[in-house]
Amino acid sequence: MTLSAPKPVTALANYLRRRSWQSWLGDLVLLALVSGPPAAPFLAASGLPGLTQIAAIIYTMGVNVCPQPELGLPLASPHIMAVCMRCYGTVMGLVMMRLLYRRDQGQSAYWLDQYGLVGFGITFALCMIYPAELALQGFDWWPIDNVPMTLFGWLAGLGLGAYLMPLIHYRDPAQI
């Protein structure tokens, strides 16, 4: 019997091993936020007992977090997404910031956590874009339209992600 040399560790395997449990949990929650709302109408439309119960759970969560869940897109008519496009735009902004964080590990100037209270203030201001658009819908001259709703939610998600991603996915350089 001959001993073979150990297989080289790939960069991906090395990256996965170094991640903290907070990073794994953050990505799992983000995956649920991205996949749940658009999956709910298809699960509900399937008519299968287990899948319809999962859809009911997703819709219950959507009703509790979204101010206008009745404005969800009809993906599997008559079933709509579990949240409105403003909420889903926020999730898309968070996903974009997660992808950017994976690329530069928080080294760019746009990661707001590094600026302390000023960064938090910028994050807060960006997140206020979301309720501002919601409030504008109360005026006759501001129509309810999925495009601006998505854009305003996306901007809020970018601001929130620019502050949270470094906090959730931080890796101590000494452990790398």
N, C-alpha and C. Protein backbone atom coordinates (compact mmCIF):
# COMPACT_ATOMS: atom_id res chain seq x y z
N MET A 1 0.84 -1.17 0.00
CA MET A 1 0.00 0.00 0.00
C MET A 1 0.89 1.24 0.00
N THR A 2 0.60 2.13 -0.93
CA THR A 2 1.38 3.36 -1.00
C THR A 2 0.54 4.52 -0.49
N LEU A 3 1.20 5.40 0.12
CA LEU A 3 0.52 6.60 0.61
C LEU A 3 0.56 7.67 -0.47
N SER A 4 -0.58 8.25 -0.71
CA SER A 4 -0.61 9.32 -1.71
C SER A 4 -0.55 10.66 -0.99
N ALA A 5 -0.12 11.64 -1.73
CA ALA A 5 -0.03 13.00 -1.17
C ALA A 5 -1.44 13.51 -0.92
N PRO A 6 -1.62 14.30 0.11
CA PRO A 6 -2.95 14.85 0.37
C PRO A 6 -3.39 15.74 -0.79
N LYS A 7 -4.68 15.73 -1.04
CA LYS A 7 -5.22 16.55 -2.12
C LYS A 7 -5.10 18.01 -1.74
N PRO A 8 -4.75 18.85 -2.72
CA PRO A 8 -4.65 20.28 -2.40
C PRO A 8 -6.03 20.84 -2.07
N VAL A 9 -6.04 21.75 -1.13
CA VAL A 9 -7.29 22.39 -0.72
C VAL A 9 -7.62 23.47 -1.74
N THR A 10 -8.81 23.39 -2.26
CA THR A 10 -9.21 24.41 -3.23
C THR A 10 -9.50 25.71 -2.52
N ALA A 11 -9.49 26.78 -3.28
CA ALA A 11 -9.75 28.10 -2.71
C ALA A 11 -11.17 28.16 -2.16
N LEU A 12 -12.13 27.54 -2.86
CA LEU A 12 -13.51 27.56 -2.38
C LEU A 12 -13.64 26.81 -1.05
N ALA A 13 -13.03 25.63 -0.96
CA ALA A 13 -13.10 24.86 0.28
C ALA A 13 -12.46 25.64 1.43
N ASN A 14 -11.37 26.31 1.16
CA ASN A 14 -10.70 27.11 2.17
C ASN A 14 -11.58 28.28 2.62
N TYR A 15 -12.24 28.93 1.65
CA TYR A 15 -13.14 30.04 1.97
C TYR A 15 -14.31 29.55 2.82
N LEU A 16 -14.91 28.43 2.45
CA LEU A 16 -16.06 27.91 3.19
C LEU A 16 -15.69 27.53 4.62
N ARG A 17 -14.50 27.02 4.82
CA ARG A 17 -14.06 26.61 6.14
C ARG A 17 -13.83 27.80 7.07
N ARG A 18 -13.47 28.94 6.52
CA ARG A 18 -13.14 30.10 7.35
C ARG A 18 -14.35 30.94 7.74
N ARG A 19 -15.51 30.68 7.21
CA ARG A 19 -16.69 31.50 7.49
C ARG A 19 -17.23 31.23 8.89
N SER A 20 -17.72 32.29 9.50
CA SER A 20 -18.29 32.17 10.85
C SER A 20 -19.74 31.69 10.76
N TRP A 21 -20.26 31.28 11.89
CA TRP A 21 -21.66 30.83 11.91
C TRP A 21 -22.61 31.98 11.62
N GLN A 22 -22.23 33.23 11.99
CA GLN A 22 -23.07 34.39 11.70
C GLN A 22 -23.17 34.60 10.18
N SER A 23 -22.07 34.40 9.50
CA SER A 23 -22.07 34.55 8.05
C SER A 23 -22.96 33.50 7.39
N TRP A 24 -22.84 32.25 7.85
CA TRP A 24 -23.69 31.19 7.31
C TRP A 24 -25.16 31.48 7.57
N LEU A 25 -25.48 31.89 8.79
CA LEU A 25 -26.86 32.19 9.15
C LEU A 25 -27.39 33.37 8.34
N GLY A 26 -26.58 34.41 8.19
CA GLY A 26 -26.98 35.57 7.39
C GLY A 26 -27.30 35.18 5.96
N ASP A 27 -26.47 34.34 5.37
CA ASP A 27 -26.72 33.90 4.00
C ASP A 27 -27.95 33.01 3.90
N LEU A 28 -28.18 32.20 4.91
CA LEU A 28 -29.37 31.35 4.92
C LEU A 28 -30.64 32.19 5.00
N VAL A 29 -30.64 33.21 5.85
CA VAL A 29 -31.79 34.10 5.97
C VAL A 29 -31.99 34.86 4.66
N LEU A 30 -30.91 35.34 4.06
CA LEU A 30 -31.03 36.06 2.80
C LEU A 30 -31.56 35.16 1.69
N LEU A 31 -31.13 33.91 1.67
CA LEU A 31 -31.65 32.95 0.69
C LEU A 31 -33.16 32.75 0.88
N ALA A 32 -33.61 32.66 2.13
CA ALA A 32 -35.04 32.51 2.39
C ALA A 32 -35.81 33.76 1.97
N LEU A 33 -35.24 34.94 2.21
CA LEU A 33 -35.90 36.17 1.82
C LEU A 33 -36.00 36.32 0.30
N VAL A 34 -35.00 35.82 -0.41
CA VAL A 34 -35.00 35.91 -1.87
C VAL A 34 -35.94 34.88 -2.49
N SER A 35 -35.94 33.69 -1.97
CA SER A 35 -36.68 32.60 -2.62
C SER A 35 -38.12 32.47 -2.14
N GLY A 36 -38.42 32.83 -0.92
CA GLY A 36 -39.76 32.63 -0.37
C GLY A 36 -40.89 33.38 -1.07
N PRO A 37 -40.79 34.72 -1.17
CA PRO A 37 -41.91 35.46 -1.78
C PRO A 37 -42.28 35.04 -3.20
N PRO A 38 -41.30 34.83 -4.11
CA PRO A 38 -41.72 34.40 -5.45
C PRO A 38 -42.12 32.93 -5.51
N ALA A 39 -41.67 32.12 -4.56
CA ALA A 39 -42.04 30.69 -4.57
C ALA A 39 -43.45 30.47 -4.03
N ALA A 40 -43.91 31.33 -3.15
CA ALA A 40 -45.21 31.13 -2.49
C ALA A 40 -46.37 30.96 -3.47
N PRO A 41 -46.50 31.79 -4.52
CA PRO A 41 -47.64 31.58 -5.41
C PRO A 41 -47.61 30.23 -6.13
N PHE A 42 -46.42 29.77 -6.49
CA PHE A 42 -46.31 28.49 -7.18
C PHE A 42 -46.60 27.33 -6.23
N LEU A 43 -46.15 27.47 -5.00
CA LEU A 43 -46.45 26.44 -4.00
C LEU A 43 -47.95 26.39 -3.72
N ALA A 44 -48.58 27.56 -3.61
CA ALA A 44 -50.03 27.61 -3.36
C ALA A 44 -50.81 27.06 -4.55
N ALA A 45 -50.35 27.37 -5.76
CA ALA A 45 -51.06 26.92 -6.97
C ALA A 45 -50.91 25.42 -7.20
N SER A 46 -49.92 24.79 -6.57
CA SER A 46 -49.69 23.36 -6.80
C SER A 46 -50.85 22.52 -6.27
N GLY A 47 -51.49 22.98 -5.21
CA GLY A 47 -52.61 22.24 -4.63
C GLY A 47 -52.18 21.04 -3.80
N LEU A 48 -50.89 20.79 -3.69
CA LEU A 48 -50.39 19.66 -2.90
C LEU A 48 -50.37 20.05 -1.42
N PRO A 49 -50.89 19.17 -0.55
CA PRO A 49 -51.03 19.53 0.88
C PRO A 49 -49.77 20.08 1.53
N GLY A 50 -48.65 19.44 1.43
CA GLY A 50 -47.44 19.95 2.09
C GLY A 50 -46.98 21.28 1.52
N LEU A 51 -47.08 21.43 0.21
CA LEU A 51 -46.62 22.66 -0.43
C LEU A 51 -47.55 23.83 -0.15
N THR A 52 -48.83 23.58 -0.08
CA THR A 52 -49.76 24.68 0.23
C THR A 52 -49.59 25.16 1.67
N GLN A 53 -49.21 24.25 2.57
CA GLN A 53 -48.96 24.69 3.95
C GLN A 53 -47.69 25.54 4.03
N ILE A 54 -46.67 25.17 3.25
CA ILE A 54 -45.46 25.99 3.20
C ILE A 54 -45.79 27.37 2.64
N ALA A 55 -46.62 27.39 1.58
CA ALA A 55 -47.03 28.67 1.00
C ALA A 55 -47.79 29.50 2.03
N ALA A 56 -48.65 28.88 2.81
CA ALA A 56 -49.40 29.60 3.84
C ALA A 56 -48.46 30.22 4.88
N ILE A 57 -47.41 29.51 5.23
CA ILE A 57 -46.43 30.05 6.18
C ILE A 57 -45.72 31.26 5.57
N ILE A 58 -45.32 31.15 4.31
CA ILE A 58 -44.64 32.26 3.64
C ILE A 58 -45.57 33.47 3.54
N TYR A 59 -46.84 33.24 3.16
CA TYR A 59 -47.80 34.34 3.08
C TYR A 59 -48.03 34.99 4.45
N THR A 60 -48.08 34.18 5.50
CA THR A 60 -48.25 34.74 6.86
C THR A 60 -47.07 35.64 7.22
N MET A 61 -45.86 35.20 6.90
CA MET A 61 -44.69 36.04 7.17
C MET A 61 -44.74 37.31 6.33
N GLY A 62 -45.14 37.20 5.06
CA GLY A 62 -45.24 38.36 4.19
C GLY A 62 -46.23 39.38 4.70
N VAL A 63 -47.39 38.93 5.17
CA VAL A 63 -48.41 39.83 5.70
C VAL A 63 -47.88 40.56 6.93
N ASN A 64 -47.03 39.92 7.70
CA ASN A 64 -46.53 40.53 8.93
C ASN A 64 -45.35 41.48 8.72
N VAL A 65 -44.69 41.43 7.56
CA VAL A 65 -43.55 42.32 7.34
C VAL A 65 -43.79 43.35 6.25
N CYS A 66 -44.72 43.10 5.36
CA CYS A 66 -44.95 43.98 4.21
C CYS A 66 -46.16 44.89 4.48
N PRO A 67 -46.00 46.21 4.26
CA PRO A 67 -47.14 47.10 4.48
C PRO A 67 -48.23 46.98 3.41
N GLN A 68 -47.89 46.43 2.24
CA GLN A 68 -48.87 46.31 1.16
C GLN A 68 -48.74 44.96 0.45
N PRO A 69 -48.94 43.85 1.17
CA PRO A 69 -48.76 42.55 0.51
C PRO A 69 -49.77 42.31 -0.61
N GLU A 70 -50.87 43.02 -0.59
CA GLU A 70 -51.87 42.86 -1.65
C GLU A 70 -51.38 43.40 -3.00
N LEU A 71 -50.25 44.11 -3.01
CA LEU A 71 -49.68 44.63 -4.25
C LEU A 71 -48.60 43.71 -4.83
N GLY A 72 -48.51 42.49 -4.32
CA GLY A 72 -47.54 41.54 -4.86
C GLY A 72 -47.85 41.21 -6.31
N LEU A 73 -46.83 40.85 -7.05
CA LEU A 73 -47.02 40.50 -8.46
C LEU A 73 -47.76 39.18 -8.59
N PRO A 74 -48.69 39.09 -9.53
CA PRO A 74 -49.39 37.81 -9.75
C PRO A 74 -48.50 36.87 -10.57
N LEU A 75 -47.84 35.95 -9.92
CA LEU A 75 -46.94 35.03 -10.62
C LEU A 75 -47.62 33.75 -11.05
N ALA A 76 -48.55 33.26 -10.27
CA ALA A 76 -49.32 32.05 -10.60
C ALA A 76 -50.77 32.39 -10.31
N SER A 77 -51.37 33.12 -11.23
CA SER A 77 -52.71 33.65 -11.02
C SER A 77 -53.67 32.57 -10.54
N PRO A 78 -54.44 32.84 -9.54
CA PRO A 78 -54.72 34.09 -8.85
C PRO A 78 -53.78 34.37 -7.69
N HIS A 79 -52.75 33.58 -7.51
CA HIS A 79 -51.84 33.73 -6.37
C HIS A 79 -50.77 34.78 -6.69
N ILE A 80 -50.50 35.64 -5.70
CA ILE A 80 -49.53 36.72 -5.87
C ILE A 80 -48.30 36.45 -5.00
N MET A 81 -47.23 37.22 -5.27
CA MET A 81 -46.04 37.14 -4.43
C MET A 81 -46.42 37.46 -2.99
N ALA A 82 -45.63 36.98 -2.06
CA ALA A 82 -45.94 37.16 -0.65
C ALA A 82 -45.69 38.58 -0.15
N VAL A 83 -44.96 39.39 -0.90
CA VAL A 83 -44.67 40.77 -0.52
C VAL A 83 -44.79 41.66 -1.74
N CYS A 84 -44.89 42.97 -1.51
CA CYS A 84 -44.93 43.92 -2.61
C CYS A 84 -43.53 44.08 -3.21
N MET A 85 -43.47 44.78 -4.32
CA MET A 85 -42.18 44.95 -4.99
C MET A 85 -41.25 45.90 -4.25
N ARG A 86 -41.78 46.74 -3.38
CA ARG A 86 -40.91 47.60 -2.56
C ARG A 86 -40.11 46.73 -1.60
N CYS A 87 -40.81 45.79 -0.96
CA CYS A 87 -40.13 44.87 -0.03
C CYS A 87 -39.16 43.98 -0.78
N TYR A 88 -39.59 43.47 -1.94
CA TYR A 88 -38.70 42.59 -2.69
C TYR A 88 -37.52 43.37 -3.27
N GLY A 89 -37.72 44.65 -3.61
CA GLY A 89 -36.61 45.49 -4.04
C GLY A 89 -35.58 45.66 -2.93
N THR A 90 -36.06 45.77 -1.69
CA THR A 90 -35.15 45.85 -0.55
C THR A 90 -34.30 44.59 -0.45
N VAL A 91 -34.92 43.45 -0.65
CA VAL A 91 -34.18 42.18 -0.61
C VAL A 91 -33.16 42.13 -1.75
N MET A 92 -33.56 42.61 -2.94
CA MET A 92 -32.61 42.63 -4.06
C MET A 92 -31.42 43.54 -3.76
N GLY A 93 -31.65 44.66 -3.09
CA GLY A 93 -30.55 45.53 -2.68
C GLY A 93 -29.62 44.83 -1.69
N LEU A 94 -30.20 44.09 -0.76
CA LEU A 94 -29.37 43.32 0.19
C LEU A 94 -28.54 42.26 -0.53
N VAL A 95 -29.14 41.60 -1.50
CA VAL A 95 -28.41 40.58 -2.27
C VAL A 95 -27.25 41.22 -3.02
N MET A 96 -27.51 42.37 -3.64
CA MET A 96 -26.44 43.04 -4.37
C MET A 96 -25.28 43.41 -3.45
N MET A 97 -25.60 43.91 -2.26
CA MET A 97 -24.54 44.28 -1.32
C MET A 97 -23.81 43.04 -0.80
N ARG A 98 -24.52 41.93 -0.67
CA ARG A 98 -23.85 40.69 -0.24
C ARG A 98 -22.85 40.24 -1.30
N LEU A 99 -23.25 40.34 -2.56
CA LEU A 99 -22.33 39.96 -3.64
C LEU A 99 -21.13 40.89 -3.70
N LEU A 100 -21.36 42.19 -3.49
CA LEU A 100 -20.24 43.13 -3.45
C LEU A 100 -19.32 42.85 -2.27
N TYR A 101 -19.91 42.52 -1.12
CA TYR A 101 -19.08 42.24 0.05
C TYR A 101 -18.23 40.99 -0.15
N ARG A 102 -18.80 40.00 -0.80
CA ARG A 102 -18.02 38.78 -1.08
C ARG A 102 -16.83 39.09 -1.96
N ARG A 103 -17.01 40.08 -2.85
CA ARG A 103 -15.94 40.42 -3.78
C ARG A 103 -14.81 41.20 -3.11
N ASP A 104 -15.13 42.16 -2.25
CA ASP A 104 -14.05 42.99 -1.70
C ASP A 104 -13.86 42.89 -0.19
N GLN A 105 -14.67 42.06 0.49
CA GLN A 105 -14.52 41.82 1.93
C GLN A 105 -14.52 43.10 2.76
N GLY A 106 -15.30 44.09 2.35
CA GLY A 106 -15.45 45.30 3.14
C GLY A 106 -14.32 46.29 3.01
N GLN A 107 -13.54 46.23 1.94
CA GLN A 107 -12.39 47.12 1.79
C GLN A 107 -12.73 48.44 1.09
N SER A 108 -13.89 48.53 0.46
CA SER A 108 -14.26 49.75 -0.28
C SER A 108 -14.79 50.82 0.66
N ALA A 109 -14.82 52.05 0.14
CA ALA A 109 -15.25 53.19 0.95
C ALA A 109 -16.75 53.22 1.17
N TYR A 110 -17.54 52.48 0.39
CA TYR A 110 -18.99 52.55 0.53
C TYR A 110 -19.54 51.66 1.64
N TRP A 111 -18.73 50.93 2.36
CA TRP A 111 -19.22 50.14 3.49
C TRP A 111 -19.39 51.08 4.67
N LEU A 112 -20.63 51.31 5.06
CA LEU A 112 -20.97 52.39 5.98
C LEU A 112 -20.64 52.12 7.44
N ASP A 113 -20.42 50.88 7.83
CA ASP A 113 -20.14 50.60 9.24
C ASP A 113 -18.83 51.23 9.70
N GLN A 114 -17.91 51.46 8.79
CA GLN A 114 -16.59 52.00 9.15
C GLN A 114 -16.63 53.48 9.54
N TYR A 115 -17.76 54.14 9.32
CA TYR A 115 -17.88 55.56 9.62
C TYR A 115 -18.61 55.85 10.92
N GLY A 116 -18.87 54.83 11.72
CA GLY A 116 -19.50 55.02 13.02
C GLY A 116 -20.89 55.60 12.93
N LEU A 117 -21.16 56.63 13.74
CA LEU A 117 -22.49 57.24 13.78
C LEU A 117 -22.86 57.93 12.47
N VAL A 118 -21.88 58.47 11.77
CA VAL A 118 -22.16 59.10 10.48
C VAL A 118 -22.63 58.03 9.49
N GLY A 119 -21.97 56.89 9.48
CA GLY A 119 -22.38 55.77 8.62
C GLY A 119 -23.77 55.27 8.97
N PHE A 120 -24.05 55.22 10.28
CA PHE A 120 -25.39 54.81 10.70
C PHE A 120 -26.43 55.83 10.24
N GLY A 121 -26.10 57.13 10.32
CA GLY A 121 -27.01 58.18 9.87
C GLY A 121 -27.28 58.08 8.37
N ILE A 122 -26.26 57.80 7.58
CA ILE A 122 -26.44 57.62 6.14
C ILE A 122 -27.31 56.40 5.88
N THR A 123 -27.07 55.32 6.62
CA THR A 123 -27.89 54.12 6.49
C THR A 123 -29.35 54.43 6.81
N PHE A 124 -29.56 55.14 7.90
CA PHE A 124 -30.92 55.50 8.32
C PHE A 124 -31.60 56.34 7.24
N ALA A 125 -30.88 57.31 6.69
CA ALA A 125 -31.45 58.17 5.65
C ALA A 125 -31.82 57.35 4.41
N LEU A 126 -30.95 56.43 4.01
CA LEU A 126 -31.25 55.59 2.86
C LEU A 126 -32.44 54.66 3.13
N CYS A 127 -32.52 54.15 4.34
CA CYS A 127 -33.66 53.29 4.69
C CYS A 127 -34.96 54.07 4.74
N MET A 128 -34.91 55.37 5.01
CA MET A 128 -36.12 56.19 5.05
C MET A 128 -36.70 56.44 3.65
N ILE A 129 -35.95 56.10 2.62
CA ILE A 129 -36.47 56.21 1.25
C ILE A 129 -37.67 55.27 1.09
N TYR A 130 -37.62 54.14 1.74
CA TYR A 130 -38.70 53.14 1.67
C TYR A 130 -40.02 53.71 2.18
N PRO A 131 -40.10 54.20 3.42
CA PRO A 131 -41.39 54.75 3.88
C PRO A 131 -41.76 56.05 3.18
N ALA A 132 -40.77 56.78 2.64
CA ALA A 132 -41.09 58.01 1.92
C ALA A 132 -41.91 57.68 0.67
N GLU A 133 -41.51 56.65 -0.06
CA GLU A 133 -42.27 56.26 -1.25
C GLU A 133 -43.64 55.74 -0.85
N LEU A 134 -43.72 55.00 0.23
CA LEU A 134 -45.00 54.51 0.73
C LEU A 134 -45.92 55.69 1.07
N ALA A 135 -45.39 56.72 1.69
CA ALA A 135 -46.18 57.90 2.04
C ALA A 135 -46.61 58.67 0.80
N LEU A 136 -45.75 58.72 -0.22
CA LEU A 136 -46.09 59.43 -1.45
C LEU A 136 -47.29 58.80 -2.15
N GLN A 137 -47.53 57.54 -1.91
CA GLN A 137 -48.68 56.87 -2.54
C GLN A 137 -50.01 57.44 -2.05
N GLY A 138 -49.99 58.17 -0.98
CA GLY A 138 -51.20 58.80 -0.48
C GLY A 138 -51.64 60.01 -1.29
N PHE A 139 -50.77 60.50 -2.16
CA PHE A 139 -51.10 61.67 -2.99
C PHE A 139 -51.58 61.20 -4.36
N ASP A 140 -52.52 61.95 -4.91
CA ASP A 140 -53.08 61.59 -6.21
C ASP A 140 -52.04 61.64 -7.32
N TRP A 141 -51.06 62.54 -7.22
CA TRP A 141 -50.08 62.71 -8.28
C TRP A 141 -48.98 61.65 -8.26
N TRP A 142 -48.94 60.80 -7.23
CA TRP A 142 -47.93 59.73 -7.16
C TRP A 142 -48.64 58.39 -7.37
N PRO A 143 -48.51 57.80 -8.56
CA PRO A 143 -49.25 56.56 -8.82
C PRO A 143 -48.61 55.35 -8.12
N ILE A 144 -49.42 54.34 -7.91
CA ILE A 144 -48.91 53.07 -7.39
C ILE A 144 -48.38 52.30 -8.59
N ASP A 145 -47.07 52.17 -8.66
CA ASP A 145 -46.42 51.54 -9.80
C ASP A 145 -45.27 50.68 -9.29
N ASN A 146 -45.14 49.47 -9.83
CA ASN A 146 -44.12 48.54 -9.36
C ASN A 146 -42.70 49.00 -9.63
N VAL A 147 -42.48 49.77 -10.68
CA VAL A 147 -41.10 50.20 -11.01
C VAL A 147 -40.55 51.15 -9.93
N PRO A 148 -41.24 52.27 -9.61
CA PRO A 148 -40.69 53.10 -8.54
C PRO A 148 -40.68 52.40 -7.18
N MET A 149 -41.69 51.56 -6.93
CA MET A 149 -41.69 50.83 -5.66
C MET A 149 -40.44 49.97 -5.55
N THR A 150 -40.10 49.26 -6.62
CA THR A 150 -38.91 48.40 -6.62
C THR A 150 -37.65 49.24 -6.46
N LEU A 151 -37.55 50.35 -7.18
CA LEU A 151 -36.38 51.21 -7.11
C LEU A 151 -36.17 51.78 -5.71
N PHE A 152 -37.23 52.28 -5.10
CA PHE A 152 -37.11 52.85 -3.75
C PHE A 152 -36.73 51.77 -2.74
N GLY A 153 -37.34 50.58 -2.87
CA GLY A 153 -36.97 49.48 -1.99
C GLY A 153 -35.52 49.06 -2.20
N TRP A 154 -35.09 49.02 -3.46
CA TRP A 154 -33.72 48.64 -3.79
C TRP A 154 -32.72 49.61 -3.16
N LEU A 155 -33.02 50.93 -3.24
CA LEU A 155 -32.12 51.91 -2.62
C LEU A 155 -32.05 51.72 -1.11
N ALA A 156 -33.19 51.44 -0.49
CA ALA A 156 -33.19 51.18 0.95
C ALA A 156 -32.37 49.91 1.27
N GLY A 157 -32.51 48.89 0.44
CA GLY A 157 -31.74 47.66 0.63
C GLY A 157 -30.24 47.87 0.46
N LEU A 158 -29.86 48.73 -0.49
CA LEU A 158 -28.44 49.06 -0.66
C LEU A 158 -27.88 49.72 0.59
N GLY A 159 -28.63 50.69 1.12
CA GLY A 159 -28.17 51.38 2.33
C GLY A 159 -28.08 50.45 3.52
N LEU A 160 -29.09 49.63 3.70
CA LEU A 160 -29.08 48.68 4.82
C LEU A 160 -27.95 47.66 4.65
N GLY A 161 -27.78 47.17 3.44
CA GLY A 161 -26.73 46.19 3.18
C GLY A 161 -25.34 46.77 3.33
N ALA A 162 -25.17 48.05 2.96
CA ALA A 162 -23.86 48.69 3.09
C ALA A 162 -23.45 48.83 4.55
N TYR A 163 -24.41 48.82 5.43
CA TYR A 163 -24.09 48.88 6.86
C TYR A 163 -23.99 47.49 7.49
N LEU A 164 -24.92 46.60 7.13
CA LEU A 164 -25.01 45.30 7.81
C LEU A 164 -24.03 44.23 7.31
N MET A 165 -23.75 44.20 6.02
CA MET A 165 -22.93 43.10 5.49
C MET A 165 -21.56 42.99 6.16
N PRO A 166 -20.84 44.10 6.38
CA PRO A 166 -19.57 43.95 7.08
C PRO A 166 -19.73 43.46 8.52
N LEU A 167 -20.83 43.80 9.15
CA LEU A 167 -21.06 43.36 10.52
C LEU A 167 -21.39 41.87 10.59
N ILE A 168 -22.14 41.38 9.60
CA ILE A 168 -22.56 39.98 9.60
C ILE A 168 -21.46 39.06 9.09
N HIS A 169 -20.72 39.51 8.07
CA HIS A 169 -19.79 38.61 7.39
C HIS A 169 -18.32 38.93 7.67
N TYR A 170 -18.05 39.73 8.69
CA TYR A 170 -16.68 40.11 9.03
C TYR A 170 -15.86 38.87 9.38
N ARG A 171 -14.64 38.88 8.86
CA ARG A 171 -13.67 37.83 9.23
C ARG A 171 -12.42 38.51 9.77
N ASP A 172 -11.97 38.05 10.90
CA ASP A 172 -10.78 38.59 11.52
C ASP A 172 -9.58 38.28 10.64
N PRO A 173 -8.82 39.30 10.19
CA PRO A 173 -7.67 39.05 9.32
C PRO A 173 -6.65 38.09 9.95
N ALA A 174 -6.61 38.02 11.26
CA ALA A 174 -5.66 37.11 11.91
C ALA A 174 -6.04 35.64 11.70
N GLN A 175 -7.33 35.39 11.40
CA GLN A 175 -7.78 34.01 11.21
C GLN A 175 -7.72 33.58 9.75
N ILE A 176 -7.39 34.49 8.87
CA ILE A 176 -7.36 34.16 7.43
C ILE A 176 -6.07 33.48 7.06
